[in-house]
Amino acid sequence: MTEKDNDTYEVVVVGGGAAGLSAALILGRARRRTLVVDAGEPRNAPAAHMQGYLTRDGMSPAAFLAKGREEIARYGVELVRDRALDVTRDGDFAVALAGGRTVRARRLVIATGLRDELPDVTGLAARFGRDVLHCPYCHGWEVRDQAFGVLATTPMSVHQALMVSQWSKDVTFFLHRLAEEELSDEDLRRLAAAGVAVVPGEVFELVLADDRLTGVRLAGGAVHGCEALFVAPRAVPRTGLLRRLGAELRETPFGAYPVVDETGLTTVSGVWSAGNVMGFAEQVVNAAAGGYRAAATINGDLLMADLDAAVGV
């Protein structure tokens, strides 16, 4: 095999999280020469456990990914710890890696995920994934019936405050930098019906005791108790490669995501996306399913392309 052959694959998967590894597993089992490019930046890295994935409920994200990497290796899938910096197309795709290597592929899976930008509140980032949380489906059971706080980041945070009241009847909605006038009459009625207390004023810092969250301190000095603080981070999808390829994006309240069909195929022929890069709410189980779906479609696409080429279509 020549050096060029070493850098040529049928499919390159950019992203080594649940979506990327799931796609790689199916492609490997379909006997497709596949490379996973993993920058090692999973969104759920701060969390000690993941929930809601049947048979994997409570497993740590790190253990889940390690198991996934073991599984794809059994089918000959290669994985490189590197970052994809650029991608171009001249028939096949050429993916330039930060380490200096350029790899080529007939098809691409972009599973680069997103990063969470947290509010600038003293002590908040250090507790994210512990007792500062964002998803009640991921963490609500573990903190059920505790005193919850919800830190407003946008008017849509009202929805988060209402949702978490399913897991605790002691919920305080901190308006932070949200003006009371931005809440609609319907918002106020629903918050009251759910028993959610509304506290105006900017949150300055978290209050801790014995490495546990005990409350938040407002800029004016008042302290309000809570044992778990829910916050909606600003989602920043990692769509740089998709933009470079000219994929169409759609604007949403949670960022700009690629326009895709039911299999994850983008508006660029030969390019699929899966996981959080295509949607804010893609939990691990959804991301894995999306990777599977994309990979199965890609395998069929390659098969038909080769058969058509063989008969001169």
Protein backbone atom coordinates (compact mmCIF):
# COMPACT_ATOMS: atom_id res chain seq x y z
CA MET A 1 0.00 0.00 0.00
CA THR A 2 1.42 3.38 -0.99
CA GLU A 3 1.60 6.43 1.27
CA LYS A 4 -1.26 7.92 -0.72
CA ASP A 5 -3.33 4.77 -0.14
CA ASN A 6 -2.67 5.07 3.58
CA ASP A 7 -4.37 8.47 3.53
CA THR A 8 -7.33 7.45 1.34
CA TYR A 9 -10.55 6.17 2.89
CA GLU A 10 -14.04 5.44 1.80
CA VAL A 11 -15.42 7.46 4.70
CA VAL A 12 -13.87 9.97 7.08
CA VAL A 13 -15.83 10.66 10.25
CA VAL A 14 -14.93 13.97 11.88
CA GLY A 15 -15.79 13.73 15.55
CA GLY A 16 -15.26 10.89 18.01
CA GLY A 17 -18.28 11.27 20.26
CA ALA A 18 -21.37 9.09 20.40
CA ALA A 19 -22.53 10.05 16.90
CA GLY A 20 -19.16 9.65 15.23
CA LEU A 21 -18.29 6.37 16.92
CA SER A 22 -21.72 4.93 16.18
CA ALA A 23 -21.34 5.82 12.50
CA ALA A 24 -17.85 4.32 12.48
CA LEU A 25 -19.09 1.10 14.06
CA ILE A 26 -21.69 0.53 11.37
CA LEU A 27 -19.30 1.48 8.57
CA GLY A 28 -16.65 -0.86 9.96
CA ARG A 29 -19.13 -3.71 10.14
CA ALA A 30 -20.05 -2.94 6.53
CA ARG A 31 -16.36 -3.43 5.62
CA ARG A 32 -15.85 0.20 4.67
CA ARG A 33 -12.35 1.62 5.12
CA THR A 34 -13.10 4.30 7.69
CA LEU A 35 -11.13 6.88 9.66
CA VAL A 36 -12.37 8.74 12.74
CA VAL A 37 -10.72 12.09 13.45
CA ASP A 38 -11.20 12.83 17.14
CA ALA A 39 -10.23 16.18 18.66
CA GLY A 40 -11.17 14.86 22.12
CA GLU A 41 -13.67 17.57 23.09
CA PRO A 42 -16.95 15.80 23.99
CA ARG A 43 -19.70 18.14 25.10
CA ASN A 44 -20.61 15.99 28.11
CA ALA A 45 -17.06 15.73 29.46
CA PRO A 46 -17.89 17.74 32.64
CA ALA A 47 -20.61 15.24 33.63
CA ALA A 48 -19.79 12.31 35.92
CA HIS A 49 -22.47 10.16 34.36
CA MET A 50 -24.96 10.03 31.50
CA GLN A 51 -28.57 8.98 31.86
CA GLY A 52 -31.45 7.79 29.74
CA TYR A 53 -29.45 5.46 27.47
CA LEU A 54 -30.98 2.02 27.86
CA THR A 55 -28.43 -0.47 29.33
CA ARG A 56 -25.92 2.40 29.77
CA ASP A 57 -27.85 4.48 32.29
CA GLY A 58 -25.42 5.92 34.85
CA MET A 59 -22.29 5.12 32.83
CA SER A 60 -19.60 7.78 32.76
CA PRO A 61 -19.14 9.57 29.42
CA ALA A 62 -15.43 8.73 29.45
CA ALA A 63 -16.10 5.01 29.95
CA PHE A 64 -18.75 5.07 27.22
CA LEU A 65 -16.36 6.59 24.68
CA ALA A 66 -13.52 4.26 25.67
CA LYS A 67 -15.81 1.28 25.09
CA GLY A 68 -16.87 2.71 21.74
CA ARG A 69 -13.27 3.12 20.62
CA GLU A 70 -12.57 -0.51 21.55
CA GLU A 71 -15.57 -1.67 19.53
CA ILE A 72 -14.73 0.18 16.31
CA ALA A 73 -11.15 -1.09 16.46
CA ARG A 74 -12.47 -4.66 16.25
CA TYR A 75 -13.77 -3.90 12.77
CA GLY A 76 -10.60 -2.28 11.46
CA VAL A 77 -11.73 1.32 11.84
CA GLU A 78 -8.82 3.68 12.38
CA LEU A 79 -8.94 6.53 14.87
CA VAL A 80 -6.54 9.45 14.99
CA ARG A 81 -6.33 12.02 17.77
CA ASP A 82 -6.23 15.18 15.73
CA ARG A 83 -8.28 18.16 14.67
CA ALA A 84 -9.74 18.69 11.20
CA LEU A 85 -8.84 22.22 10.19
CA ASP A 86 -10.14 22.43 6.65
CA VAL A 87 -11.90 20.44 3.98
CA THR A 88 -11.95 20.88 0.20
CA ARG A 89 -13.43 18.89 -2.65
CA ASP A 90 -12.04 17.94 -6.03
CA GLY A 91 -14.12 14.87 -6.68
CA ASP A 92 -13.30 13.26 -3.35
CA PHE A 93 -12.98 15.20 -0.09
CA ALA A 94 -9.58 16.29 1.24
CA VAL A 95 -9.49 16.87 5.00
CA ALA A 96 -6.50 18.80 6.36
CA LEU A 97 -5.53 17.85 9.92
CA ALA A 98 -3.76 20.00 12.47
CA GLY A 99 -0.95 17.43 12.69
CA GLY A 100 -0.03 18.11 9.06
CA ARG A 101 -1.65 15.10 7.45
CA THR A 102 -4.27 15.36 4.69
CA VAL A 103 -6.70 12.48 4.37
CA ARG A 104 -9.08 11.83 1.49
CA ALA A 105 -12.53 10.27 1.48
CA ARG A 106 -15.42 9.55 -0.85
CA ARG A 107 -17.95 10.45 1.84
CA LEU A 108 -17.87 12.51 5.04
CA VAL A 109 -19.68 12.35 8.36
CA ILE A 110 -19.45 15.62 10.28
CA ALA A 111 -20.08 14.88 13.95
CA THR A 112 -18.17 17.77 15.50
CA GLY A 113 -20.81 18.60 18.11
CA LEU A 114 -21.08 21.93 19.86
CA ARG A 115 -19.62 23.81 22.80
CA ASP A 116 -21.55 25.39 25.65
CA GLU A 117 -20.93 29.02 26.57
CA LEU A 118 -21.89 29.56 30.19
CA PRO A 119 -23.03 32.79 31.83
CA ASP A 120 -20.30 34.85 33.45
CA VAL A 121 -21.18 34.17 37.07
CA THR A 122 -18.40 33.63 39.60
CA GLY A 123 -17.98 29.94 40.41
CA LEU A 124 -20.52 28.68 37.89
CA ALA A 125 -18.22 27.11 35.29
CA ALA A 126 -16.34 25.09 37.90
CA ARG A 127 -19.58 23.43 39.04
CA PHE A 128 -20.99 22.69 35.58
CA GLY A 129 -21.92 19.04 35.31
CA ARG A 130 -21.93 18.64 39.11
CA ASP A 131 -24.61 20.75 40.76
CA VAL A 132 -24.85 23.32 37.96
CA LEU A 133 -26.93 21.50 35.35
CA HIS A 134 -28.77 22.18 32.13
CA CYS A 135 -30.93 19.16 31.29
CA PRO A 136 -33.51 17.76 33.72
CA TYR A 137 -33.80 14.57 31.65
CA CYS A 138 -30.06 14.04 32.12
CA HIS A 139 -29.79 14.97 35.79
CA GLY A 140 -33.23 15.65 37.26
CA TRP A 141 -33.66 12.26 38.92
CA GLU A 142 -30.31 12.52 40.70
CA VAL A 143 -31.23 15.87 42.33
CA ARG A 144 -34.96 15.25 42.71
CA ASP A 145 -36.75 16.99 45.57
CA GLN A 146 -33.79 19.24 46.31
CA ALA A 147 -34.00 23.02 46.31
CA PHE A 148 -33.60 24.07 42.68
CA GLY A 149 -32.53 27.37 41.26
CA VAL A 150 -32.92 28.29 37.59
CA LEU A 151 -30.69 31.04 36.23
CA ALA A 152 -32.36 32.98 33.43
CA THR A 153 -30.26 33.55 30.32
CA THR A 154 -33.07 34.46 27.89
CA PRO A 155 -36.87 34.77 28.10
CA MET A 156 -36.96 31.10 27.02
CA SER A 157 -35.52 30.20 30.42
CA VAL A 158 -39.10 30.35 31.69
CA HIS A 159 -39.65 27.04 29.93
CA GLN A 160 -36.69 25.52 31.78
CA ALA A 161 -38.03 26.73 35.12
CA LEU A 162 -41.40 25.17 34.38
CA MET A 163 -39.85 21.91 33.21
CA VAL A 164 -37.69 21.33 36.28
CA SER A 165 -40.73 21.72 38.54
CA GLN A 166 -41.51 18.14 37.49
CA TRP A 167 -38.54 17.01 39.63
CA SER A 168 -38.88 19.37 42.61
CA LYS A 169 -41.59 21.51 44.12
CA ASP A 170 -38.96 23.90 45.54
CA VAL A 171 -37.92 25.94 42.51
CA THR A 172 -36.66 29.53 42.41
CA PHE A 173 -36.33 31.37 39.11
CA PHE A 174 -33.52 33.92 39.26
CA LEU A 175 -34.13 36.57 36.62
CA HIS A 176 -30.44 37.56 36.65
CA ARG A 177 -30.14 40.08 33.78
CA LEU A 178 -33.64 39.42 32.51
CA ALA A 179 -36.05 42.30 33.19
CA GLU A 180 -39.35 41.43 34.81
CA GLU A 181 -41.07 43.25 31.96
CA GLU A 182 -39.75 40.59 29.56
CA LEU A 183 -42.00 37.98 31.19
CA SER A 184 -45.43 37.72 29.62
CA ASP A 185 -48.65 37.44 31.60
CA GLU A 186 -48.85 33.82 30.43
CA ASP A 187 -45.31 33.21 31.76
CA LEU A 188 -46.25 34.62 35.16
CA ARG A 189 -49.45 32.60 35.33
CA ARG A 190 -47.66 29.35 34.51
CA LEU A 191 -44.81 30.03 36.94
CA ALA A 192 -47.34 30.70 39.69
CA ALA A 193 -49.30 27.57 38.83
CA ALA A 194 -46.09 25.51 39.04
CA GLY A 195 -45.20 27.06 42.39
CA VAL A 196 -42.01 28.63 41.04
CA ALA A 197 -40.78 31.64 43.01
CA VAL A 198 -39.46 34.53 40.89
CA VAL A 199 -36.50 36.53 42.20
CA PRO A 200 -35.32 39.65 40.35
CA GLY A 201 -31.75 40.89 40.47
CA GLU A 202 -28.43 39.89 38.97
CA VAL A 203 -26.74 36.76 40.33
CA PHE A 204 -23.14 37.61 41.27
CA GLU A 205 -21.71 34.31 42.53
CA LEU A 206 -22.38 30.81 43.73
CA VAL A 207 -22.24 30.03 47.44
CA LEU A 208 -20.52 26.78 48.45
CA ALA A 209 -20.00 24.80 51.64
CA ASP A 210 -17.96 21.60 51.91
CA ASP A 211 -17.65 21.47 48.12
CA ARG A 212 -21.42 21.60 47.70
CA LEU A 213 -23.66 24.26 46.23
CA THR A 214 -25.77 25.86 48.93
CA GLY A 215 -27.06 28.98 47.21
CA VAL A 216 -26.45 32.02 45.05
CA ARG A 217 -25.53 35.55 46.07
CA LEU A 218 -27.09 38.43 44.22
CA ALA A 219 -25.14 41.53 43.25
CA GLY A 220 -26.92 43.38 46.06
CA GLY A 221 -25.61 40.89 48.64
CA ALA A 222 -28.75 38.85 49.32
CA VAL A 223 -28.23 35.07 49.45
CA HIS A 224 -30.88 32.62 48.28
CA GLY A 225 -30.51 28.93 49.01
CA CYS A 226 -30.44 26.21 46.36
CA GLU A 227 -28.78 22.83 46.06
CA ALA A 228 -28.91 22.49 42.27
CA LEU A 229 -28.78 25.32 39.76
CA PHE A 230 -30.15 24.82 36.27
CA VAL A 231 -28.91 27.05 33.48
CA ALA A 232 -29.30 27.06 29.70
CA PRO A 233 -25.87 27.63 28.15
CA ARG A 234 -25.50 29.38 24.82
CA ALA A 235 -24.96 26.64 22.25
CA VAL A 236 -22.22 27.22 19.69
CA PRO A 237 -22.41 24.48 17.01
CA ARG A 238 -19.05 23.51 15.53
CA THR A 239 -20.13 24.00 11.93
CA GLY A 240 -16.87 25.38 10.51
CA LEU A 241 -16.30 22.45 8.14
CA LEU A 242 -19.90 22.47 7.00
CA ARG A 243 -19.68 26.19 6.26
CA ARG A 244 -16.43 25.61 4.40
CA LEU A 245 -18.22 23.12 2.16
CA GLY A 246 -21.11 25.49 1.55
CA ALA A 247 -23.76 23.52 3.45
CA GLU A 248 -27.02 25.36 3.98
CA LEU A 249 -27.68 26.27 7.62
CA ARG A 250 -30.94 27.15 9.35
CA GLU A 251 -31.15 29.70 12.13
CA THR A 252 -32.82 28.59 15.37
CA PRO A 253 -33.09 30.12 18.86
CA PHE A 254 -30.25 27.76 19.81
CA GLY A 255 -27.82 28.51 16.99
CA ALA A 256 -27.40 27.77 13.29
CA TYR A 257 -27.61 24.10 12.31
CA PRO A 258 -27.31 22.32 8.95
CA VAL A 259 -30.35 21.62 6.84
CA VAL A 260 -30.55 17.81 6.62
CA ASP A 261 -32.88 15.08 5.44
CA GLU A 262 -34.12 12.23 7.61
CA THR A 263 -30.77 10.40 7.28
CA GLY A 264 -28.59 13.38 8.19
CA LEU A 265 -27.61 14.16 4.60
CA THR A 266 -26.76 17.85 4.28
CA THR A 267 -27.33 20.01 1.23
CA VAL A 268 -23.81 19.07 0.09
CA SER A 269 -23.76 15.78 -1.81
CA GLY A 270 -21.72 13.15 0.03
CA VAL A 271 -21.73 14.95 3.40
CA TRP A 272 -23.79 13.78 6.36
CA SER A 273 -24.01 15.26 9.85
CA ALA A 274 -24.97 13.59 13.12
CA GLY A 275 -25.16 14.48 16.79
CA ASN A 276 -25.15 17.93 18.37
CA VAL A 277 -23.73 19.61 15.29
CA MET A 278 -27.17 19.13 13.75
CA GLY A 279 -29.29 19.94 16.78
CA PHE A 280 -29.03 21.34 20.31
CA ALA A 281 -31.12 18.61 21.95
CA GLU A 282 -29.38 15.53 20.55
CA GLN A 283 -28.78 13.49 23.70
CA VAL A 284 -26.25 10.66 23.64
CA VAL A 285 -28.83 8.05 22.68
CA ASN A 286 -30.17 10.26 19.88
CA ALA A 287 -26.67 11.07 18.66
CA ALA A 288 -25.76 7.38 18.50
CA ALA A 289 -28.95 6.64 16.56
CA GLY A 290 -28.20 9.48 14.14
CA GLY A 291 -24.72 8.15 13.52
CA TYR A 292 -26.11 4.68 12.82
CA ARG A 293 -28.69 6.05 10.40
CA ALA A 294 -26.15 8.14 8.51
CA ALA A 295 -23.69 5.25 8.24
CA ALA A 296 -26.24 2.79 6.93
CA THR A 297 -27.31 5.31 4.30
CA ILE A 298 -23.71 6.02 3.32
CA ASN A 299 -22.97 2.34 2.87
CA GLY A 300 -25.92 1.94 0.51
CA ASP A 301 -24.96 5.11 -1.33
CA LEU A 302 -21.43 3.87 -1.93
CA LEU A 303 -22.66 0.44 -3.00
CA MET A 304 -25.02 1.86 -5.60
CA ALA A 305 -22.41 4.31 -6.85
CA ASP A 306 -19.93 1.47 -7.42
CA LEU A 307 -22.51 -0.74 -9.13
CA ASP A 308 -23.58 2.09 -11.41
CA ALA A 309 -19.94 2.79 -12.28
CA ALA A 310 -19.42 -0.89 -13.07
CA VAL A 311 -22.24 -0.95 -15.61
CA GLY A 312 -21.38 2.48 -17.01
CA VAL A 313 -24.40 4.38 -15.71
